[in-house]
Amino acid sequence: MSIVDSNDPTSFNFPPSDALKPEKMDDMGRALISLTREICVLTDRQAVLEKLLEDAGLISGDAIDSFQPGAELQAKIDARTSAVVKSVVNELLGG
């Protein structure tokens, strides 16, 4: 059984899992640390890119904040999000 429905981009929000059982807490901790590291790296890189683009006069922070992706880009974003969530859930399940 797949934990993420490819037809429903929100299906990863509450995947079925036994991850919160006491015997899974080590897996939960590793997944949380892994996810936190990834978020920190991505956040730092995003801030650097936005600053460099703004300093170069190529884009403003407001343009980034108000951007609305088209259907094709949104599909790519959804696919990437799904892949990250699958990876985290896999770690939660001891994979």
PDB file of N, CA and C in Angstrom:
ATOM      1  N   MET A   1       0.841  -1.184   0.000  1.00  0.00           N
ATOM      2  CA  MET A   1       0.000   0.000   0.000  1.00  0.00           C
ATOM      3  C   MET A   1       0.878   1.235   0.000  1.00  0.00           C
ATOM      4  N   SER A   2       0.625   2.138  -0.921  1.00  0.00           N
ATOM      5  CA  SER A   2       1.360   3.391  -0.978  1.00  0.00           C
ATOM      6  C   SER A   2       0.798   4.349   0.066  1.00  0.00           C
ATOM      7  N   ILE A   3       1.690   5.058   0.733  1.00  0.00           N
ATOM      8  CA  ILE A   3       1.236   6.001   1.751  1.00  0.00           C
ATOM      9  C   ILE A   3       0.894   7.353   1.154  1.00  0.00           C
ATOM     10  N   VAL A   4       1.285   7.564  -0.091  1.00  0.00           N
ATOM     11  CA  VAL A   4       1.003   8.835  -0.748  1.00  0.00           C
ATOM     12  C   VAL A   4       0.238   8.551  -2.025  1.00  0.00           C
ATOM     13  N   ASP A   5      -0.922   9.165  -2.172  1.00  0.00           N
ATOM     14  CA  ASP A   5      -1.763   9.010  -3.355  1.00  0.00           C
ATOM     15  C   ASP A   5      -1.303  10.008  -4.406  1.00  0.00           C
ATOM     16  N   SER A   6      -0.809   9.512  -5.544  1.00  0.00           N
ATOM     17  CA  SER A   6      -0.282  10.408  -6.575  1.00  0.00           C
ATOM     18  C   SER A   6      -1.354  11.311  -7.171  1.00  0.00           C
ATOM     19  N   ASN A   7      -2.627  10.965  -6.989  1.00  0.00           N
ATOM     20  CA  ASN A   7      -3.706  11.812  -7.494  1.00  0.00           C
ATOM     21  C   ASN A   7      -4.147  12.869  -6.496  1.00  0.00           C
ATOM     22  N   ASP A   8      -3.636  12.797  -5.292  1.00  0.00           N
ATOM     23  CA  ASP A   8      -4.023  13.749  -4.247  1.00  0.00           C
ATOM     24  C   ASP A   8      -2.761  14.328  -3.623  1.00  0.00           C
ATOM     25  N   PRO A   9      -2.352  15.548  -4.044  1.00  0.00           N
ATOM     26  CA  PRO A   9      -1.094  16.106  -3.534  1.00  0.00           C
ATOM     27  C   PRO A   9      -1.103  16.390  -2.041  1.00  0.00           C
ATOM     28  N   THR A  10      -2.270  16.335  -1.393  1.00  0.00           N
ATOM     29  CA  THR A  10      -2.319  16.559   0.055  1.00  0.00           C
ATOM     30  C   THR A  10      -2.336  15.254   0.836  1.00  0.00           C
ATOM     31  N   SER A  11      -2.274  14.112   0.150  1.00  0.00           N
ATOM     32  CA  SER A  11      -2.390  12.828   0.835  1.00  0.00           C
ATOM     33  C   SER A  11      -1.243  12.567   1.810  1.00  0.00           C
ATOM     34  N   PHE A  12      -0.124  13.273   1.653  1.00  0.00           N
ATOM     35  CA  PHE A  12       1.008  13.071   2.542  1.00  0.00           C
ATOM     36  C   PHE A  12       0.837  13.779   3.882  1.00  0.00           C
ATOM     37  N   ASN A  13      -0.192  14.596   4.037  1.00  0.00           N
ATOM     38  CA  ASN A  13      -0.357  15.359   5.272  1.00  0.00           C
ATOM     39  C   ASN A  13      -0.526  14.473   6.504  1.00  0.00           C
ATOM     40  N   PHE A  14      -1.273  13.406   6.386  1.00  0.00           N
ATOM     41  CA  PHE A  14      -1.513  12.511   7.511  1.00  0.00           C
ATOM     42  C   PHE A  14      -1.417  11.056   7.053  1.00  0.00           C
ATOM     43  N   PRO A  15      -0.200  10.613   6.686  1.00  0.00           N
ATOM     44  CA  PRO A  15      -0.067   9.247   6.193  1.00  0.00           C
ATOM     45  C   PRO A  15      -0.328   8.239   7.306  1.00  0.00           C
ATOM     46  N   PRO A  16      -0.920   7.099   6.954  1.00  0.00           N
ATOM     47  CA  PRO A  16      -1.111   6.062   7.970  1.00  0.00           C
ATOM     48  C   PRO A  16       0.249   5.514   8.388  1.00  0.00           C
ATOM     49  N   SER A  17       0.447   5.331   9.678  1.00  0.00           N
ATOM     50  CA  SER A  17       1.737   4.838  10.132  1.00  0.00           C
ATOM     51  C   SER A  17       1.672   4.418  11.585  1.00  0.00           C
ATOM     52  N   ASP A  18       2.596   3.546  11.942  1.00  0.00           N
ATOM     53  CA  ASP A  18       2.774   3.133  13.331  1.00  0.00           C
ATOM     54  C   ASP A  18       3.999   3.825  13.912  1.00  0.00           C
ATOM     55  N   ALA A  19       4.370   4.972  13.365  1.00  0.00           N
ATOM     56  CA  ALA A  19       5.631   5.633  13.714  1.00  0.00           C
ATOM     57  C   ALA A  19       5.686   6.106  15.153  1.00  0.00           C
ATOM     58  N   LEU A  20       4.568   6.305  15.789  1.00  0.00           N
ATOM     59  CA  LEU A  20       4.599   6.846  17.144  1.00  0.00           C
ATOM     60  C   LEU A  20       4.609   5.778  18.235  1.00  0.00           C
ATOM     61  N   LYS A  21       4.746   4.537  17.855  1.00  0.00           N
ATOM     62  CA  LYS A  21       4.872   3.481  18.855  1.00  0.00           C
ATOM     63  C   LYS A  21       6.209   3.634  19.568  1.00  0.00           C
ATOM     64  N   PRO A  22       6.262   3.287  20.842  1.00  0.00           N
ATOM     65  CA  PRO A  22       7.512   3.455  21.608  1.00  0.00           C
ATOM     66  C   PRO A  22       8.734   2.830  20.939  1.00  0.00           C
ATOM     67  N   GLU A  23       8.576   1.684  20.296  1.00  0.00           N
ATOM     68  CA  GLU A  23       9.728   1.027  19.676  1.00  0.00           C
ATOM     69  C   GLU A  23      10.217   1.757  18.419  1.00  0.00           C
ATOM     70  N   LYS A  24       9.501   2.767  17.975  1.00  0.00           N
ATOM     71  CA  LYS A  24       9.873   3.528  16.787  1.00  0.00           C
ATOM     72  C   LYS A  24      10.470   4.898  17.115  1.00  0.00           C
ATOM     73  N   MET A  25      10.652   5.223  18.370  1.00  0.00           N
ATOM     74  CA  MET A  25      11.119   6.560  18.732  1.00  0.00           C
ATOM     75  C   MET A  25      12.517   6.866  18.217  1.00  0.00           C
ATOM     76  N   ASP A  26      13.406   5.889  18.145  1.00  0.00           N
ATOM     77  CA  ASP A  26      14.737   6.142  17.574  1.00  0.00           C
ATOM     78  C   ASP A  26      14.623   6.517  16.101  1.00  0.00           C
ATOM     79  N   ASP A  27      13.765   5.799  15.375  1.00  0.00           N
ATOM     80  CA  ASP A  27      13.542   6.122  13.963  1.00  0.00           C
ATOM     81  C   ASP A  27      12.938   7.517  13.829  1.00  0.00           C
ATOM     82  N   MET A  28      12.007   7.844  14.719  1.00  0.00           N
ATOM     83  CA  MET A  28      11.373   9.158  14.696  1.00  0.00           C
ATOM     84  C   MET A  28      12.416  10.255  14.931  1.00  0.00           C
ATOM     85  N   GLY A  29      13.295  10.034  15.876  1.00  0.00           N
ATOM     86  CA  GLY A  29      14.340  11.014  16.164  1.00  0.00           C
ATOM     87  C   GLY A  29      15.270  11.223  14.988  1.00  0.00           C
ATOM     88  N   ARG A  30      15.694  10.138  14.339  1.00  0.00           N
ATOM     89  CA  ARG A  30      16.574  10.255  13.165  1.00  0.00           C
ATOM     90  C   ARG A  30      15.882  11.004  12.035  1.00  0.00           C
ATOM     91  N   ALA A  31      14.611  10.698  11.832  1.00  0.00           N
ATOM     92  CA  ALA A  31      13.870  11.382  10.770  1.00  0.00           C
ATOM     93  C   ALA A  31      13.747  12.870  11.075  1.00  0.00           C
ATOM     94  N   LEU A  32      13.471  13.209  12.305  1.00  0.00           N
ATOM     95  CA  LEU A  32      13.317  14.614  12.688  1.00  0.00           C
ATOM     96  C   LEU A  32      14.628  15.380  12.523  1.00  0.00           C
ATOM     97  N   ILE A  33      15.719  14.778  12.925  1.00  0.00           N
ATOM     98  CA  ILE A  33      17.027  15.423  12.770  1.00  0.00           C
ATOM     99  C   ILE A  33      17.363  15.586  11.290  1.00  0.00           C
ATOM    100  N   SER A  34      17.117  14.560  10.500  1.00  0.00           N
ATOM    101  CA  SER A  34      17.371  14.632   9.059  1.00  0.00           C
ATOM    102  C   SER A  34      16.550  15.734   8.408  1.00  0.00           C
ATOM    103  N   LEU A  35      15.301  15.791   8.744  1.00  0.00           N
ATOM    104  CA  LEU A  35      14.419  16.816   8.183  1.00  0.00           C
ATOM    105  C   LEU A  35      14.844  18.216   8.627  1.00  0.00           C
ATOM    106  N   THR A  36      15.198  18.359   9.869  1.00  0.00           N
ATOM    107  CA  THR A  36      15.630  19.668  10.380  1.00  0.00           C
ATOM    108  C   THR A  36      16.898  20.141   9.676  1.00  0.00           C
ATOM    109  N   ARG A  37      17.847  19.246   9.472  1.00  0.00           N
ATOM    110  CA  ARG A  37      19.074  19.619   8.745  1.00  0.00           C
ATOM    111  C   ARG A  37      18.747  20.089   7.332  1.00  0.00           C
ATOM    112  N   GLU A  38      17.890  19.334   6.662  1.00  0.00           N
ATOM    113  CA  GLU A  38      17.531  19.688   5.292  1.00  0.00           C
ATOM    114  C   GLU A  38      16.831  21.043   5.244  1.00  0.00           C
ATOM    115  N   ILE A  39      15.941  21.291   6.158  1.00  0.00           N
ATOM    116  CA  ILE A  39      15.238  22.583   6.202  1.00  0.00           C
ATOM    117  C   ILE A  39      16.228  23.721   6.424  1.00  0.00           C
ATOM    118  N   CYS A  40      17.180  23.531   7.311  1.00  0.00           N
ATOM    119  CA  CYS A  40      18.180  24.576   7.571  1.00  0.00           C
ATOM    120  C   CYS A  40      19.013  24.865   6.329  1.00  0.00           C
ATOM    121  N   VAL A  41      19.451  23.838   5.647  1.00  0.00           N
ATOM    122  CA  VAL A  41      20.246  24.030   4.429  1.00  0.00           C
ATOM    123  C   VAL A  41      19.413  24.764   3.379  1.00  0.00           C
ATOM    124  N   LEU A  42      18.207  24.309   3.158  1.00  0.00           N
ATOM    125  CA  LEU A  42      17.352  24.937   2.149  1.00  0.00           C
ATOM    126  C   LEU A  42      17.014  26.384   2.501  1.00  0.00           C
ATOM    127  N   THR A  43      16.728  26.641   3.760  1.00  0.00           N
ATOM    128  CA  THR A  43      16.395  27.995   4.192  1.00  0.00           C
ATOM    129  C   THR A  43      17.586  28.934   3.997  1.00  0.00           C
ATOM    130  N   ASP A  44      18.766  28.484   4.386  1.00  0.00           N
ATOM    131  CA  ASP A  44      19.967  29.303   4.217  1.00  0.00           C
ATOM    132  C   ASP A  44      20.245  29.587   2.744  1.00  0.00           C
ATOM    133  N   ARG A  45      20.179  28.558   1.914  1.00  0.00           N
ATOM    134  CA  ARG A  45      20.450  28.734   0.485  1.00  0.00           C
ATOM    135  C   ARG A  45      19.407  29.647  -0.160  1.00  0.00           C
ATOM    136  N   GLN A  46      18.164  29.489   0.232  1.00  0.00           N
ATOM    137  CA  GLN A  46      17.096  30.341  -0.310  1.00  0.00           C
ATOM    138  C   GLN A  46      17.344  31.806   0.046  1.00  0.00           C
ATOM    139  N   ALA A  47      17.714  32.060   1.287  1.00  0.00           N
ATOM    140  CA  ALA A  47      17.982  33.432   1.714  1.00  0.00           C
ATOM    141  C   ALA A  47      19.152  34.031   0.932  1.00  0.00           C
ATOM    142  N   VAL A  48      20.199  33.240   0.719  1.00  0.00           N
ATOM    143  CA  VAL A  48      21.363  33.716  -0.042  1.00  0.00           C
ATOM    144  C   VAL A  48      20.954  34.023  -1.482  1.00  0.00           C
ATOM    145  N   LEU A  49      20.219  33.123  -2.109  1.00  0.00           N
ATOM    146  CA  LEU A  49      19.795  33.350  -3.490  1.00  0.00           C
ATOM    147  C   LEU A  49      18.916  34.590  -3.615  1.00  0.00           C
ATOM    148  N   GLU A  50      17.977  34.748  -2.711  1.00  0.00           N
ATOM    149  CA  GLU A  50      17.106  35.924  -2.764  1.00  0.00           C
ATOM    150  C   GLU A  50      17.911  37.212  -2.596  1.00  0.00           C
ATOM    151  N   LYS A  51      18.875  37.211  -1.701  1.00  0.00           N
ATOM    152  CA  LYS A  51      19.706  38.395  -1.465  1.00  0.00           C
ATOM    153  C   LYS A  51      20.564  38.709  -2.697  1.00  0.00           C
ATOM    154  N   LEU A  52      21.167  37.684  -3.278  1.00  0.00           N
ATOM    155  CA  LEU A  52      21.992  37.903  -4.464  1.00  0.00           C
ATOM    156  C   LEU A  52      21.154  38.421  -5.634  1.00  0.00           C
ATOM    157  N   LEU A  53      19.986  37.858  -5.836  1.00  0.00           N
ATOM    158  CA  LEU A  53      19.106  38.315  -6.915  1.00  0.00           C
ATOM    159  C   LEU A  53      18.633  39.746  -6.689  1.00  0.00           C
ATOM    160  N   GLU A  54      18.290  40.059  -5.456  1.00  0.00           N
ATOM    161  CA  GLU A  54      17.826  41.416  -5.154  1.00  0.00           C
ATOM    162  C   GLU A  54      18.973  42.423  -5.296  1.00  0.00           C
ATOM    163  N   ASP A  55      20.161  42.082  -4.786  1.00  0.00           N
ATOM    164  CA  ASP A  55      21.327  42.969  -4.901  1.00  0.00           C
ATOM    165  C   ASP A  55      21.710  43.212  -6.357  1.00  0.00           C
ATOM    166  N   ALA A  56      21.498  42.210  -7.196  1.00  0.00           N
ATOM    167  CA  ALA A  56      21.815  42.350  -8.617  1.00  0.00           C
ATOM    168  C   ALA A  56      20.701  43.069  -9.384  1.00  0.00           C
ATOM    169  N   GLY A  57      19.640  43.414  -8.686  1.00  0.00           N
ATOM    170  CA  GLY A  57      18.527  44.116  -9.323  1.00  0.00           C
ATOM    171  C   GLY A  57      17.704  43.234 -10.240  1.00  0.00           C
ATOM    172  N   LEU A  58      17.793  41.936 -10.064  1.00  0.00           N
ATOM    173  CA  LEU A  58      17.084  41.014 -10.948  1.00  0.00           C
ATOM    174  C   LEU A  58      15.664  40.697 -10.473  1.00  0.00           C
ATOM    175  N   ILE A  59      15.450  40.807  -9.181  1.00  0.00           N
ATOM    176  CA  ILE A  59      14.131  40.465  -8.635  1.00  0.00           C
ATOM    177  C   ILE A  59      13.993  41.094  -7.255  1.00  0.00           C
ATOM    178  N   SER A  60      12.776  41.362  -6.874  1.00  0.00           N
ATOM    179  CA  SER A  60      12.538  41.918  -5.538  1.00  0.00           C
ATOM    180  C   SER A  60      11.932  40.844  -4.636  1.00  0.00           C
ATOM    181  N   GLY A  61      12.064  41.047  -3.349  1.00  0.00           N
ATOM    182  CA  GLY A  61      11.458  40.133  -2.392  1.00  0.00           C
ATOM    183  C   GLY A  61       9.957  40.040  -2.581  1.00  0.00           C
ATOM    184  N   ASP A  62       9.324  41.165  -2.917  1.00  0.00           N
ATOM    185  CA  ASP A  62       7.874  41.167  -3.146  1.00  0.00           C
ATOM    186  C   ASP A  62       7.493  40.279  -4.327  1.00  0.00           C
ATOM    187  N   ALA A  63       8.326  40.271  -5.360  1.00  0.00           N
ATOM    188  CA  ALA A  63       8.041  39.436  -6.525  1.00  0.00           C
ATOM    189  C   ALA A  63       8.062  37.959  -6.147  1.00  0.00           C
ATOM    190  N   ILE A  64       8.976  37.600  -5.283  1.00  0.00           N
ATOM    191  CA  ILE A  64       9.059  36.208  -4.823  1.00  0.00           C
ATOM    192  C   ILE A  64       7.848  35.870  -3.960  1.00  0.00           C
ATOM    193  N   ASP A  65       7.519  36.765  -3.034  1.00  0.00           N
ATOM    194  CA  ASP A  65       6.398  36.516  -2.120  1.00  0.00           C
ATOM    195  C   ASP A  65       5.058  36.412  -2.836  1.00  0.00           C
ATOM    196  N   SER A  66       4.890  37.147  -3.919  1.00  0.00           N
ATOM    197  CA  SER A  66       3.586  37.181  -4.592  1.00  0.00           C
ATOM    198  C   SER A  66       3.498  36.239  -5.807  1.00  0.00           C
ATOM    199  N   PHE A  67       4.563  35.528  -6.096  1.00  0.00           N
ATOM    200  CA  PHE A  67       4.586  34.646  -7.263  1.00  0.00           C
ATOM    201  C   PHE A  67       3.564  33.521  -7.133  1.00  0.00           C
ATOM    202  N   GLN A  68       2.828  33.270  -8.203  1.00  0.00           N
ATOM    203  CA  GLN A  68       1.861  32.164  -8.273  1.00  0.00           C
ATOM    204  C   GLN A  68       2.292  31.227  -9.404  1.00  0.00           C
ATOM    205  N   PRO A  69       2.717  30.007  -9.071  1.00  0.00           N
ATOM    206  CA  PRO A  69       3.185  29.103 -10.121  1.00  0.00           C
ATOM    207  C   PRO A  69       2.042  28.639 -11.023  1.00  0.00           C
ATOM    208  N   GLY A  70       2.372  28.393 -12.280  1.00  0.00           N
ATOM    209  CA  GLY A  70       1.414  27.815 -13.213  1.00  0.00           C
ATOM    210  C   GLY A  70       1.248  26.327 -12.926  1.00  0.00           C
ATOM    211  N   ALA A  71       0.365  25.688 -13.673  1.00  0.00           N
ATOM    212  CA  ALA A  71       0.035  24.277 -13.435  1.00  0.00           C
ATOM    213  C   ALA A  71       1.253  23.361 -13.567  1.00  0.00           C
ATOM    214  N   GLU A  72       2.086  23.587 -14.588  1.00  0.00           N
ATOM    215  CA  GLU A  72       3.250  22.721 -14.803  1.00  0.00           C
ATOM    216  C   GLU A  72       4.248  22.827 -13.658  1.00  0.00           C
ATOM    217  N   LEU A  73       4.566  24.060 -13.260  1.00  0.00           N
ATOM    218  CA  LEU A  73       5.496  24.249 -12.154  1.00  0.00           C
ATOM    219  C   LEU A  73       4.897  23.711 -10.863  1.00  0.00           C
ATOM    220  N   GLN A  74       3.611  23.933 -10.642  1.00  0.00           N
ATOM    221  CA  GLN A  74       2.974  23.436  -9.424  1.00  0.00           C
ATOM    222  C   GLN A  74       3.043  21.919  -9.365  1.00  0.00           C
ATOM    223  N   ALA A  75       2.881  21.261 -10.507  1.00  0.00           N
ATOM    224  CA  ALA A  75       2.992  19.797 -10.545  1.00  0.00           C
ATOM    225  C   ALA A  75       4.401  19.351 -10.152  1.00  0.00           C
ATOM    226  N   LYS A  76       5.420  20.066 -10.616  1.00  0.00           N
ATOM    227  CA  LYS A  76       6.801  19.741 -10.244  1.00  0.00           C
ATOM    228  C   LYS A  76       7.024  19.963  -8.753  1.00  0.00           C
ATOM    229  N   ILE A  77       6.497  21.060  -8.233  1.00  0.00           N
ATOM    230  CA  ILE A  77       6.618  21.351  -6.800  1.00  0.00           C
ATOM    231  C   ILE A  77       5.943  20.256  -5.989  1.00  0.00           C
ATOM    232  N   ASP A  78       4.738  19.868  -6.403  1.00  0.00           N
ATOM    233  CA  ASP A  78       4.009  18.812  -5.699  1.00  0.00           C
ATOM    234  C   ASP A  78       4.782  17.495  -5.718  1.00  0.00           C
ATOM    235  N   ALA A  79       5.406  17.181  -6.857  1.00  0.00           N
ATOM    236  CA  ALA A  79       6.178  15.937  -6.977  1.00  0.00           C
ATOM    237  C   ALA A  79       7.388  15.961  -6.053  1.00  0.00           C
ATOM    238  N   ARG A  80       8.076  17.085  -6.002  1.00  0.00           N
ATOM    239  CA  ARG A  80       9.241  17.203  -5.105  1.00  0.00           C
ATOM    240  C   ARG A  80       8.820  17.098  -3.652  1.00  0.00           C
ATOM    241  N   THR A  81       7.718  17.771  -3.306  1.00  0.00           N
ATOM    242  CA  THR A  81       7.208  17.717  -1.938  1.00  0.00           C
ATOM    243  C   THR A  81       6.860  16.284  -1.569  1.00  0.00           C
ATOM    244  N   SER A  82       6.200  15.596  -2.463  1.00  0.00           N
ATOM    245  CA  SER A  82       5.821  14.209  -2.229  1.00  0.00           C
ATOM    246  C   SER A  82       7.061  13.331  -2.008  1.00  0.00           C
ATOM    247  N   ALA A  83       8.100  13.548  -2.804  1.00  0.00           N
ATOM    248  CA  ALA A  83       9.325  12.753  -2.670  1.00  0.00           C
ATOM    249  C   ALA A  83       9.991  12.992  -1.317  1.00  0.00           C
ATOM    250  N   VAL A  84      10.043  14.233  -0.873  1.00  0.00           N
ATOM    251  CA  VAL A  84      10.641  14.539   0.427  1.00  0.00           C
ATOM    252  C   VAL A  84       9.825  13.899   1.541  1.00  0.00           C
ATOM    253  N   VAL A  85       8.514  14.034   1.462  1.00  0.00           N
ATOM    254  CA  VAL A  85       7.656  13.462   2.493  1.00  0.00           C
ATOM    255  C   VAL A  85       7.775  11.941   2.519  1.00  0.00           C
ATOM    256  N   LYS A  86       7.816  11.313   1.344  1.00  0.00           N
ATOM    257  CA  LYS A  86       7.986   9.856   1.292  1.00  0.00           C
ATOM    258  C   LYS A  86       9.282   9.447   1.986  1.00  0.00           C
ATOM    259  N   SER A  87      10.343  10.208   1.744  1.00  0.00           N
ATOM    260  CA  SER A  87      11.635   9.916   2.360  1.00  0.00           C
ATOM    261  C   SER A  87      11.552  10.018   3.877  1.00  0.00           C
ATOM    262  N   VAL A  88      10.928  11.067   4.370  1.00  0.00           N
ATOM    263  CA  VAL A  88      10.793  11.254   5.819  1.00  0.00           C
ATOM    264  C   VAL A  88       9.938  10.135   6.418  1.00  0.00           C
ATOM    265  N   VAL A  89       8.821   9.839   5.790  1.00  0.00           N
ATOM    266  CA  VAL A  89       7.940   8.787   6.302  1.00  0.00           C
ATOM    267  C   VAL A  89       8.657   7.445   6.264  1.00  0.00           C
ATOM    268  N   ASN A  90       9.450   7.201   5.222  1.00  0.00           N
ATOM    269  CA  ASN A  90      10.219   5.973   5.147  1.00  0.00           C
ATOM    270  C   ASN A  90      11.156   5.849   6.350  1.00  0.00           C
ATOM    271  N   GLU A  91      11.810   6.933   6.707  1.00  0.00           N
ATOM    272  CA  GLU A  91      12.675   6.935   7.884  1.00  0.00           C
ATOM    273  C   GLU A  91      11.863   6.686   9.158  1.00  0.00           C
ATOM    274  N   LEU A  92      10.695   7.297   9.237  1.00  0.00           N
ATOM    275  CA  LEU A  92       9.835   7.092  10.402  1.00  0.00           C
ATOM    276  C   LEU A  92       9.458   5.615  10.564  1.00  0.00           C
ATOM    277  N   LEU A  93       9.313   4.948   9.450  1.00  0.00           N
ATOM    278  CA  LEU A  93       8.912   3.542   9.466  1.00  0.00           C
ATOM    279  C   LEU A  93      10.114   2.601   9.568  1.00  0.00           C
ATOM    280  N   GLY A  94      11.295   3.193   9.708  1.00  0.00           N
ATOM    281  CA  GLY A  94      12.493   2.373   9.896  1.00  0.00           C
ATOM    282  C   GLY A  94      13.159   1.923   8.624  1.00  0.00           C
ATOM    283  N   GLY A  95      12.812   2.583   7.515  1.00  0.00           N
ATOM    284  CA  GLY A  95      13.360   2.197   6.206  1.00  0.00           C
ATOM    285  C   GLY A  95      14.698   2.682   6.017  1.00  0.00           C
TER     286      GLY A  95
END
